Amino acid sequence: MLKYPRALWRWAVQTARLCCGMPDYDAYVRHLRAHHPERPVPSYGEFFRERQEARYRGTGGRCC
């Protein structure tokens, strides 16, 4: 049986998101609070939309 199933799951999810070009929201929030305290912290939905727009901006979209 796995000794650290939760940690392994978090690592797997983070790896999958990074492979798809999706940065880690929790790491982004920590960075924002540490280096840009004057900026508001976006919700996960706002963060996701902004990252998607930044990734696909100007490409006309992608199918794969």
C-alpha atoms as a PDB file:
ATOM      1  CA  MET A   1       0.000   0.000   0.000  1.00  0.00           C
ATOM      2  CA  LEU A   2       1.183   3.533  -0.722  1.00  0.00           C
ATOM      3  CA  LYS A   3       2.621   5.374   2.236  1.00  0.00           C
ATOM      4  CA  TYR A   4       1.713   8.891   1.025  1.00  0.00           C
ATOM      5  CA  PRO A   5      -1.312   8.570  -1.282  1.00  0.00           C
ATOM      6  CA  ARG A   6      -2.445  12.189  -0.837  1.00  0.00           C
ATOM      7  CA  ALA A   7       0.982  13.626  -1.588  1.00  0.00           C
ATOM      8  CA  LEU A   8       1.320  11.334  -4.586  1.00  0.00           C
ATOM      9  CA  TRP A   9      -2.104  12.402  -5.873  1.00  0.00           C
ATOM     10  CA  ARG A  10      -1.238  16.114  -5.491  1.00  0.00           C
ATOM     11  CA  TRP A  11       2.042  15.555  -7.320  1.00  0.00           C
ATOM     12  CA  ALA A  12       0.273  13.677 -10.141  1.00  0.00           C
ATOM     13  CA  VAL A  13      -2.371  16.401 -10.539  1.00  0.00           C
ATOM     14  CA  GLN A  14       0.254  19.163 -10.523  1.00  0.00           C
ATOM     15  CA  THR A  15       2.354  17.275 -13.093  1.00  0.00           C
ATOM     16  CA  ALA A  16      -0.663  16.760 -15.358  1.00  0.00           C
ATOM     17  CA  ARG A  17      -1.594  20.439 -15.159  1.00  0.00           C
ATOM     18  CA  LEU A  18       1.945  21.552 -15.956  1.00  0.00           C
ATOM     19  CA  CYS A  19       2.057  19.155 -18.928  1.00  0.00           C
ATOM     20  CA  CYS A  20      -1.085  20.871 -20.232  1.00  0.00           C
ATOM     21  CA  GLY A  21       0.393  24.313 -19.626  1.00  0.00           C
ATOM     22  CA  MET A  22      -1.712  25.021 -16.545  1.00  0.00           C
ATOM     23  CA  PRO A  23       0.335  26.483 -13.670  1.00  0.00           C
ATOM     24  CA  ASP A  24      -0.402  25.548 -10.080  1.00  0.00           C
ATOM     25  CA  TYR A  25      -3.011  27.891  -8.562  1.00  0.00           C
ATOM     26  CA  ASP A  26      -1.759  27.481  -4.981  1.00  0.00           C
ATOM     27  CA  ALA A  27       1.813  28.343  -6.003  1.00  0.00           C
ATOM     28  CA  TYR A  28       0.484  31.357  -7.915  1.00  0.00           C
ATOM     29  CA  VAL A  29      -1.441  32.588  -4.849  1.00  0.00           C
ATOM     30  CA  ARG A  30       1.649  32.187  -2.632  1.00  0.00           C
ATOM     31  CA  HIS A  31       3.746  34.135  -5.162  1.00  0.00           C
ATOM     32  CA  LEU A  32       1.120  36.863  -5.483  1.00  0.00           C
ATOM     33  CA  ARG A  33       0.848  37.330  -1.716  1.00  0.00           C
ATOM     34  CA  ALA A  34       4.621  37.327  -1.206  1.00  0.00           C
ATOM     35  CA  HIS A  35       5.661  39.562  -4.116  1.00  0.00           C
ATOM     36  CA  HIS A  36       2.566  41.559  -5.105  1.00  0.00           C
ATOM     37  CA  PRO A  37       0.494  42.122  -1.933  1.00  0.00           C
ATOM     38  CA  GLU A  38      -1.264  45.114  -3.509  1.00  0.00           C
ATOM     39  CA  ARG A  39      -2.846  42.951  -6.220  1.00  0.00           C
ATOM     40  CA  PRO A  40      -6.130  41.134  -5.522  1.00  0.00           C
ATOM     41  CA  VAL A  41      -6.013  37.333  -5.549  1.00  0.00           C
ATOM     42  CA  PRO A  42      -8.248  36.013  -8.331  1.00  0.00           C
ATOM     43  CA  SER A  43     -10.619  33.111  -7.808  1.00  0.00           C
ATOM     44  CA  TYR A  44      -9.610  29.775  -9.303  1.00  0.00           C
ATOM     45  CA  GLY A  45     -12.115  30.320 -12.130  1.00  0.00           C
ATOM     46  CA  GLU A  46     -10.651  33.735 -12.960  1.00  0.00           C
ATOM     47  CA  PHE A  47      -7.122  32.312 -12.797  1.00  0.00           C
ATOM     48  CA  PHE A  48      -8.069  29.414 -15.086  1.00  0.00           C
ATOM     49  CA  ARG A  49      -9.726  31.681 -17.671  1.00  0.00           C
ATOM     50  CA  GLU A  50      -6.781  34.096 -17.698  1.00  0.00           C
ATOM     51  CA  ARG A  51      -4.283  31.249 -18.166  1.00  0.00           C
ATOM     52  CA  GLN A  52      -6.369  29.729 -20.975  1.00  0.00           C
ATOM     53  CA  GLU A  53      -6.653  33.085 -22.740  1.00  0.00           C
ATOM     54  CA  ALA A  54      -2.917  33.699 -22.378  1.00  0.00           C
ATOM     55  CA  ARG A  55      -2.128  30.262 -23.776  1.00  0.00           C
ATOM     56  CA  TYR A  56      -4.411  30.412 -26.794  1.00  0.00           C
ATOM     57  CA  ARG A  57      -4.367  34.147 -27.523  1.00  0.00           C
ATOM     58  CA  GLY A  58      -3.668  34.882 -31.152  1.00  0.00           C
ATOM     59  CA  THR A  59      -3.576  31.258 -32.269  1.00  0.00           C
ATOM     60  CA  GLY A  60      -7.198  30.930 -33.305  1.00  0.00           C
ATOM     61  CA  GLY A  61      -7.554  28.055 -30.848  1.00  0.00           C
ATOM     62  CA  ARG A  62      -6.245  24.544 -31.009  1.00  0.00           C
ATOM     63  CA  CYS A  63      -7.764  21.144 -31.172  1.00  0.00           C
ATOM     64  CA  CYS A  64      -4.742  19.304 -29.742  1.00  0.00           C
END
